[in-house]
PDB file of N, CA and C in Angstrom:
ATOM      1  N   MET A   1       0.189   8.565  22.093  1.00  0.00           N
ATOM      2  CA  MET A   1       0.122   7.895  21.084  1.00  0.00           C
ATOM      3  C   MET A   1      -0.348   6.380  21.737  1.00  0.00           C
ATOM      4  N   LEU A   2      -0.925   5.834  21.112  1.00  0.00           N
ATOM      5  CA  LEU A   2      -1.428   4.485  21.307  1.00  0.00           C
ATOM      6  C   LEU A   2      -0.765   3.391  20.310  1.00  0.00           C
ATOM      7  N   ILE A   3      -0.163   2.311  20.896  1.00  0.00           N
ATOM      8  CA  ILE A   3       0.783   1.550  20.230  1.00  0.00           C
ATOM      9  C   ILE A   3      -0.228   0.251  20.055  1.00  0.00           C
ATOM     10  N   ILE A   4      -0.542   0.026  19.085  1.00  0.00           N
ATOM     11  CA  ILE A   4      -1.424  -1.295  19.046  1.00  0.00           C
ATOM     12  C   ILE A   4      -0.523  -2.669  17.899  1.00  0.00           C
ATOM     13  N   SER A   5      -0.557  -3.842  18.548  1.00  0.00           N
ATOM     14  CA  SER A   5       0.331  -4.607  17.732  1.00  0.00           C
ATOM     15  C   SER A   5      -0.567  -5.522  16.992  1.00  0.00           C
ATOM     16  N   ARG A   6      -0.520  -5.880  15.818  1.00  0.00           N
ATOM     17  CA  ARG A   6      -1.131  -6.595  15.277  1.00  0.00           C
ATOM     18  C   ARG A   6      -0.689  -7.670  13.782  1.00  0.00           C
ATOM     19  N   LYS A   7      -0.663  -8.695  13.816  1.00  0.00           N
ATOM     20  CA  LYS A   7      -0.758  -9.457  12.478  1.00  0.00           C
ATOM     21  C   LYS A   7      -1.363  -9.092  11.222  1.00  0.00           C
ATOM     22  N   SER A   8      -0.834  -9.734  10.602  1.00  0.00           N
ATOM     23  CA  SER A   8      -0.796  -9.650   9.183  1.00  0.00           C
ATOM     24  C   SER A   8      -2.909 -10.536   9.110  1.00  0.00           C
ATOM     25  N   GLY A   9      -3.759  -9.926   8.836  1.00  0.00           N
ATOM     26  CA  GLY A   9      -5.025 -10.528   8.746  1.00  0.00           C
ATOM     27  C   GLY A   9      -5.794  -9.982  10.292  1.00  0.00           C
ATOM     28  N   GLU A  10      -5.123  -9.292  10.973  1.00  0.00           N
ATOM     29  CA  GLU A  10      -5.479  -8.938  12.102  1.00  0.00           C
ATOM     30  C   GLU A  10      -6.565  -7.366  11.830  1.00  0.00           C
ATOM     31  N   SER A  11      -7.401  -6.886  12.379  1.00  0.00           N
ATOM     32  CA  SER A  11      -7.706  -5.400  12.783  1.00  0.00           C
ATOM     33  C   SER A  11      -8.024  -4.822  14.187  1.00  0.00           C
ATOM     34  N   PHE A  12      -8.477  -3.521  13.748  1.00  0.00           N
ATOM     35  CA  PHE A  12      -8.737  -2.922  15.019  1.00  0.00           C
ATOM     36  C   PHE A  12      -9.261  -2.048  14.597  1.00  0.00           C
ATOM     37  N   PHE A  13     -10.717  -1.393  15.693  1.00  0.00           N
ATOM     38  CA  PHE A  13     -11.242  -0.579  15.520  1.00  0.00           C
ATOM     39  C   PHE A  13     -11.231   0.900  15.970  1.00  0.00           C
ATOM     40  N   ILE A  14     -11.222   1.907  15.092  1.00  0.00           N
ATOM     41  CA  ILE A  14     -11.668   3.689  16.037  1.00  0.00           C
ATOM     42  C   ILE A  14     -12.816   3.978  15.798  1.00  0.00           C
ATOM     43  N   ASN A  15     -13.275   4.513  16.773  1.00  0.00           N
ATOM     44  CA  ASN A  15     -14.862   4.628  17.294  1.00  0.00           C
ATOM     45  C   ASN A  15     -15.255   3.037  17.069  1.00  0.00           C
ATOM     46  N   ASP A  16     -16.612   3.270  16.269  1.00  0.00           N
ATOM     47  CA  ASP A  16     -17.352   2.042  15.740  1.00  0.00           C
ATOM     48  C   ASP A  16     -17.347   1.984  14.381  1.00  0.00           C
ATOM     49  N   SER A  17     -16.950   2.843  13.957  1.00  0.00           N
ATOM     50  CA  SER A  17     -17.460   3.041  12.343  1.00  0.00           C
ATOM     51  C   SER A  17     -16.293   3.026  11.569  1.00  0.00           C
ATOM     52  N   ILE A  18     -14.620   2.774  12.063  1.00  0.00           N
ATOM     53  CA  ILE A  18     -13.282   3.014  11.272  1.00  0.00           C
ATOM     54  C   ILE A  18     -12.926   1.444  11.608  1.00  0.00           C
ATOM     55  N   GLU A  19     -12.490   0.867  10.808  1.00  0.00           N
ATOM     56  CA  GLU A  19     -11.645  -0.459  10.814  1.00  0.00           C
ATOM     57  C   GLU A  19     -10.632  -0.700  10.261  1.00  0.00           C
ATOM     58  N   ILE A  20      -9.481  -0.513  10.916  1.00  0.00           N
ATOM     59  CA  ILE A  20      -8.323  -0.878  10.181  1.00  0.00           C
ATOM     60  C   ILE A  20      -7.915  -2.330  10.016  1.00  0.00           C
ATOM     61  N   PHE A  21      -7.131  -2.559   8.781  1.00  0.00           N
ATOM     62  CA  PHE A  21      -6.937  -3.852   8.500  1.00  0.00           C
ATOM     63  C   PHE A  21      -5.498  -3.937   8.482  1.00  0.00           C
ATOM     64  N   VAL A  22      -4.651  -4.928   9.199  1.00  0.00           N
ATOM     65  CA  VAL A  22      -3.277  -5.073   8.566  1.00  0.00           C
ATOM     66  C   VAL A  22      -3.345  -6.281   7.494  1.00  0.00           C
ATOM     67  N   LEU A  23      -3.181  -5.774   6.052  1.00  0.00           N
ATOM     68  CA  LEU A  23      -3.126  -6.983   5.329  1.00  0.00           C
ATOM     69  C   LEU A  23      -1.677  -7.504   4.824  1.00  0.00           C
ATOM     70  N   ASP A  24      -0.714  -6.660   5.083  1.00  0.00           N
ATOM     71  CA  ASP A  24       0.546  -7.492   4.626  1.00  0.00           C
ATOM     72  C   ASP A  24       1.669  -6.797   5.700  1.00  0.00           C
ATOM     73  N   VAL A  25       2.276  -7.473   5.909  1.00  0.00           N
ATOM     74  CA  VAL A  25       3.625  -6.948   6.581  1.00  0.00           C
ATOM     75  C   VAL A  25       5.226  -7.664   6.065  1.00  0.00           C
ATOM     76  N   GLY A  26       5.968  -6.831   5.076  1.00  0.00           N
ATOM     77  CA  GLY A  26       6.855  -6.840   4.803  1.00  0.00           C
ATOM     78  C   GLY A  26       8.206  -6.407   5.708  1.00  0.00           C
ATOM     79  N   SER A  27       9.169  -6.353   4.746  1.00  0.00           N
ATOM     80  CA  SER A  27      10.410  -5.858   5.849  1.00  0.00           C
ATOM     81  C   SER A  27      10.479  -4.470   5.881  1.00  0.00           C
ATOM     82  N   ASP A  28       9.906  -3.494   4.888  1.00  0.00           N
ATOM     83  CA  ASP A  28      10.343  -2.387   5.246  1.00  0.00           C
ATOM     84  C   ASP A  28       9.039  -1.727   5.026  1.00  0.00           C
ATOM     85  N   ARG A  29       7.753  -2.293   4.990  1.00  0.00           N
ATOM     86  CA  ARG A  29       6.336  -1.504   4.720  1.00  0.00           C
ATOM     87  C   ARG A  29       5.127  -2.682   5.247  1.00  0.00           C
ATOM     88  N   VAL A  30       4.127  -1.821   5.901  1.00  0.00           N
ATOM     89  CA  VAL A  30       3.210  -2.458   6.623  1.00  0.00           C
ATOM     90  C   VAL A  30       1.784  -2.576   5.073  1.00  0.00           C
ATOM     91  N   LYS A  31       1.044  -2.841   4.718  1.00  0.00           N
ATOM     92  CA  LYS A  31      -0.171  -2.797   3.640  1.00  0.00           C
ATOM     93  C   LYS A  31      -1.379  -2.571   4.729  1.00  0.00           C
ATOM     94  N   ILE A  32      -2.140  -1.329   4.764  1.00  0.00           N
ATOM     95  CA  ILE A  32      -3.310  -1.761   5.503  1.00  0.00           C
ATOM     96  C   ILE A  32      -4.264  -1.001   4.641  1.00  0.00           C
ATOM     97  N   GLY A  33      -5.343  -1.788   5.223  1.00  0.00           N
ATOM     98  CA  GLY A  33      -7.027  -1.441   4.431  1.00  0.00           C
ATOM     99  C   GLY A  33      -7.452  -0.447   5.509  1.00  0.00           C
ATOM    100  N   ILE A  34      -8.471   0.198   4.926  1.00  0.00           N
ATOM    101  CA  ILE A  34      -9.315   1.256   6.155  1.00  0.00           C
ATOM    102  C   ILE A  34     -10.569   0.891   5.724  1.00  0.00           C
ATOM    103  N   GLU A  35     -11.732   0.593   6.474  1.00  0.00           N
ATOM    104  CA  GLU A  35     -13.181   0.679   6.101  1.00  0.00           C
ATOM    105  C   GLU A  35     -13.670   1.753   6.729  1.00  0.00           C
ATOM    106  N   ALA A  36     -13.906   2.720   6.503  1.00  0.00           N
ATOM    107  CA  ALA A  36     -15.041   4.016   6.772  1.00  0.00           C
ATOM    108  C   ALA A  36     -15.888   4.571   6.235  1.00  0.00           C
ATOM    109  N   PRO A  37     -16.813   5.214   6.847  1.00  0.00           N
ATOM    110  CA  PRO A  37     -17.980   6.177   6.505  1.00  0.00           C
ATOM    111  C   PRO A  37     -17.366   6.868   5.411  1.00  0.00           C
ATOM    112  N   LYS A  38     -18.077   7.074   3.954  1.00  0.00           N
ATOM    113  CA  LYS A  38     -17.805   8.174   3.097  1.00  0.00           C
ATOM    114  C   LYS A  38     -16.973   9.525   3.422  1.00  0.00           C
ATOM    115  N   ASN A  39     -18.190  10.059   4.749  1.00  0.00           N
ATOM    116  CA  ASN A  39     -18.056  11.047   4.814  1.00  0.00           C
ATOM    117  C   ASN A  39     -16.665  11.193   5.802  1.00  0.00           C
ATOM    118  N   ILE A  40     -15.725  10.135   6.031  1.00  0.00           N
ATOM    119  CA  ILE A  40     -14.547  10.537   7.009  1.00  0.00           C
ATOM    120  C   ILE A  40     -13.341  10.525   5.612  1.00  0.00           C
ATOM    121  N   LYS A  41     -12.846  11.893   6.152  1.00  0.00           N
ATOM    122  CA  LYS A  41     -11.726  12.087   5.298  1.00  0.00           C
ATOM    123  C   LYS A  41     -10.163  11.341   5.453  1.00  0.00           C
ATOM    124  N   ILE A  42      -9.887  10.790   4.686  1.00  0.00           N
ATOM    125  CA  ILE A  42      -8.655   9.905   4.872  1.00  0.00           C
ATOM    126  C   ILE A  42      -7.461  10.104   3.613  1.00  0.00           C
ATOM    127  N   MET A  43      -6.607  10.875   4.703  1.00  0.00           N
ATOM    128  CA  MET A  43      -5.539  11.555   3.228  1.00  0.00           C
ATOM    129  C   MET A  43      -3.843  11.069   3.853  1.00  0.00           C
ATOM    130  N   ARG A  44      -3.196  10.827   3.208  1.00  0.00           N
ATOM    131  CA  ARG A  44      -1.545  10.218   3.733  1.00  0.00           C
ATOM    132  C   ARG A  44      -0.706  11.775   3.747  1.00  0.00           C
ATOM    133  N   LYS A  45       0.168  11.780   5.058  1.00  0.00           N
ATOM    134  CA  LYS A  45       0.471  12.505   5.661  1.00  0.00           C
ATOM    135  C   LYS A  45       1.506  13.564   4.621  1.00  0.00           C
ATOM    136  N   GLU A  46       1.964  12.790   3.742  1.00  0.00           N
ATOM    137  CA  GLU A  46       2.821  13.897   3.003  1.00  0.00           C
ATOM    138  C   GLU A  46       1.727  14.829   2.025  1.00  0.00           C
ATOM    139  N   LEU A  47       0.719  13.749   1.988  1.00  0.00           N
ATOM    140  CA  LEU A  47      -0.495  15.076   0.823  1.00  0.00           C
ATOM    141  C   LEU A  47      -0.984  16.088   1.899  1.00  0.00           C
ATOM    142  N   LYS A  48      -1.180  15.797   2.814  1.00  0.00           N
ATOM    143  CA  LYS A  48      -1.591  16.531   3.844  1.00  0.00           C
ATOM    144  C   LYS A  48      -0.414  17.889   4.163  1.00  0.00           C
ATOM    145  N   GLU A  49       0.706  17.385   4.146  1.00  0.00           N
ATOM    146  CA  GLU A  49       1.824  18.602   4.023  1.00  0.00           C
ATOM    147  C   GLU A  49       1.760  19.578   3.134  1.00  0.00           C
ATOM    148  N   THR A  50       1.547  18.735   2.008  1.00  0.00           N
ATOM    149  CA  THR A  50       2.086  19.584   0.733  1.00  0.00           C
ATOM    150  C   THR A  50       0.517  20.455   0.396  1.00  0.00           C
ATOM    151  N   GLN A  51      -0.193  19.851   0.743  1.00  0.00           N
ATOM    152  CA  GLN A  51      -1.952  20.868   1.002  1.00  0.00           C
ATOM    153  C   GLN A  51      -1.593  21.872   1.799  1.00  0.00           C
ATOM    154  N   LYS A  52      -0.590  21.765   2.843  1.00  0.00           N
ATOM    155  CA  LYS A  52      -0.838  23.030   3.718  1.00  0.00           C
ATOM    156  C   LYS A  52       0.115  23.731   3.213  1.00  0.00           C
ATOM    157  N   ILE A  53       1.335  23.472   2.796  1.00  0.00           N
ATOM    158  CA  ILE A  53       2.211  24.492   2.150  1.00  0.00           C
ATOM    159  C   ILE A  53       1.888  25.063   1.152  1.00  0.00           C
ATOM    160  N   ASN A  54       0.714  24.422   0.085  1.00  0.00           N
ATOM    161  CA  ASN A  54       0.147  25.335  -0.901  1.00  0.00           C
ATOM    162  C   ASN A  54      -1.152  25.831  -0.668  1.00  0.00           C
ATOM    163  N   LYS A  55      -1.476  25.715   0.670  1.00  0.00           N
ATOM    164  CA  LYS A  55      -2.403  27.145   1.212  1.00  0.00           C
ATOM    165  C   LYS A  55      -1.744  28.211   1.813  1.00  0.00           C
ATOM    166  N   GLU A  56      -0.444  27.882   2.366  1.00  0.00           N
ATOM    167  CA  GLU A  56       0.173  29.164   2.863  1.00  0.00           C
ATOM    168  C   GLU A  56       0.783  29.939   1.902  1.00  0.00           C
ATOM    169  N   SER A  57       1.407  29.234   0.650  1.00  0.00           N
ATOM    170  CA  SER A  57       1.610  29.718  -0.485  1.00  0.00           C
ATOM    171  C   SER A  57       0.363  30.975  -1.059  1.00  0.00           C
ATOM    172  N   LEU A  58      -0.905  30.285  -1.516  1.00  0.00           N
ATOM    173  CA  LEU A  58      -1.634  30.808  -1.604  1.00  0.00           C
ATOM    174  C   LEU A  58      -1.784  32.287  -0.780  1.00  0.00           C
ATOM    175  N   GLU A  59      -2.223  31.922   0.150  1.00  0.00           N
ATOM    176  CA  GLU A  59      -2.006  32.962   1.597  1.00  0.00           C
ATOM    177  C   GLU A  59      -1.399  34.067   1.110  1.00  0.00           C
ATOM    178  N   SER A  60      -0.371  33.564   1.190  1.00  0.00           N
ATOM    179  CA  SER A  60       0.988  34.659   1.011  1.00  0.00           C
ATOM    180  C   SER A  60       0.897  35.581  -0.397  1.00  0.00           C
ATOM    181  N   ALA A  61       0.956  34.693  -1.071  1.00  0.00           N
ATOM    182  CA  ALA A  61       0.387  35.245  -2.721  1.00  0.00           C
ATOM    183  C   ALA A  61      -0.903  36.132  -2.978  1.00  0.00           C
ATOM    184  N   ASN A  62      -1.601  36.019  -2.518  1.00  0.00           N
ATOM    185  CA  ASN A  62      -2.896  36.906  -2.091  1.00  0.00           C
ATOM    186  C   ASN A  62      -2.854  37.836  -1.037  1.00  0.00           C
ATOM    187  N   LYS A  63      -2.267  38.403  -0.295  1.00  0.00           N
ATOM    188  CA  LYS A  63      -1.215  39.119   0.635  1.00  0.00           C
ATOM    189  C   LYS A  63      -0.837  40.013  -0.116  1.00  0.00           C
ATOM    190  N   ALA A  64       0.188  39.407  -0.876  1.00  0.00           N
ATOM    191  CA  ALA A  64       0.929  40.169  -1.697  1.00  0.00           C
ATOM    192  C   ALA A  64       0.529  40.936  -2.715  1.00  0.00           C
ATOM    193  N   ASP A  65      -0.731  40.508  -3.387  1.00  0.00           N
ATOM    194  CA  ASP A  65      -1.057  40.887  -4.408  1.00  0.00           C
ATOM    195  C   ASP A  65      -2.407  41.869  -4.208  1.00  0.00           C
ATOM    196  N   TYR A  66      -2.467  41.653  -2.835  1.00  0.00           N
ATOM    197  CA  TYR A  66      -3.565  42.822  -2.073  1.00  0.00           C
ATOM    198  C   TYR A  66      -2.633  43.991  -2.056  1.00  0.00           C
ATOM    199  N   GLU A  67      -1.455  43.794  -1.138  1.00  0.00           N
ATOM    200  CA  GLU A  67      -0.993  45.132  -1.245  1.00  0.00           C
ATOM    201  C   GLU A  67      -0.022  45.850  -2.001  1.00  0.00           C
ATOM    202  N   ASN A  68      -0.072  45.147  -3.155  1.00  0.00           N
ATOM    203  CA  ASN A  68       0.270  45.615  -4.549  1.00  0.00           C
ATOM    204  C   ASN A  68      -0.858  46.623  -4.988  1.00  0.00           C
ATOM    205  N   LEU A  69      -1.961  46.058  -4.724  1.00  0.00           N
ATOM    206  CA  LEU A  69      -3.387  46.916  -5.444  1.00  0.00           C
ATOM    207  C   LEU A  69      -3.497  48.072  -4.996  1.00  0.00           C
ATOM    208  N   GLU A  70      -3.158  48.044  -3.463  1.00  0.00           N
ATOM    209  CA  GLU A  70      -3.314  49.246  -2.719  1.00  0.00           C
ATOM    210  C   GLU A  70      -2.381  50.300  -2.515  1.00  0.00           C
ATOM    211  N   ASN A  71      -0.818  49.790  -3.241  1.00  0.00           N
ATOM    212  CA  ASN A  71       0.017  50.695  -3.582  1.00  0.00           C
ATOM    213  C   ASN A  71      -0.386  51.549  -5.113  1.00  0.00           C
ATOM    214  N   VAL A  72      -0.810  50.886  -5.945  1.00  0.00           N
ATOM    215  CA  VAL A  72      -1.246  51.435  -6.988  1.00  0.00           C
ATOM    216  C   VAL A  72      -2.157  52.401  -6.959  1.00  0.00           C
ATOM    217  N   MET A  73      -3.523  51.943  -5.953  1.00  0.00           N
ATOM    218  CA  MET A  73      -4.353  52.658  -5.621  1.00  0.00           C
ATOM    219  C   MET A  73      -3.727  54.204  -5.097  1.00  0.00           C
ATOM    220  N   ARG A  74      -2.840  54.089  -4.084  1.00  0.00           N
ATOM    221  CA  ARG A  74      -2.051  55.047  -3.690  1.00  0.00           C
ATOM    222  C   ARG A  74      -1.656  55.898  -4.416  1.00  0.00           C
ATOM    223  N   ASN A  75      -1.322  55.648  -5.557  1.00  0.00           N
ATOM    224  CA  ASN A  75       0.023  56.203  -6.361  1.00  0.00           C
ATOM    225  C   ASN A  75      -0.971  56.705  -7.322  1.00  0.00           C
ATOM    226  N   LYS A  76      -2.391  56.657  -7.848  1.00  0.00           N
ATOM    227  CA  LYS A  76      -2.946  57.256  -8.547  1.00  0.00           C
ATOM    228  C   LYS A  76      -3.201  58.564  -8.470  1.00  0.00           C
TER     229      LYS A  76
END
């Protein structure tokens, strides 16, 4: 992990196309701005984790539905 110290109003780059701005530093929060090309997907970590859980639930449900359908077809 790279650790960079910046003050409010300063920024840094990731590659040549993504600039991260430190907008404000409070007692328990840091407000940042991200300037990136539109094709770069930016997502908060908690949303990414929720997305993963939802995908796993859907895959599990689809598997269970498929197994139930197989059982119904076998018992005909």
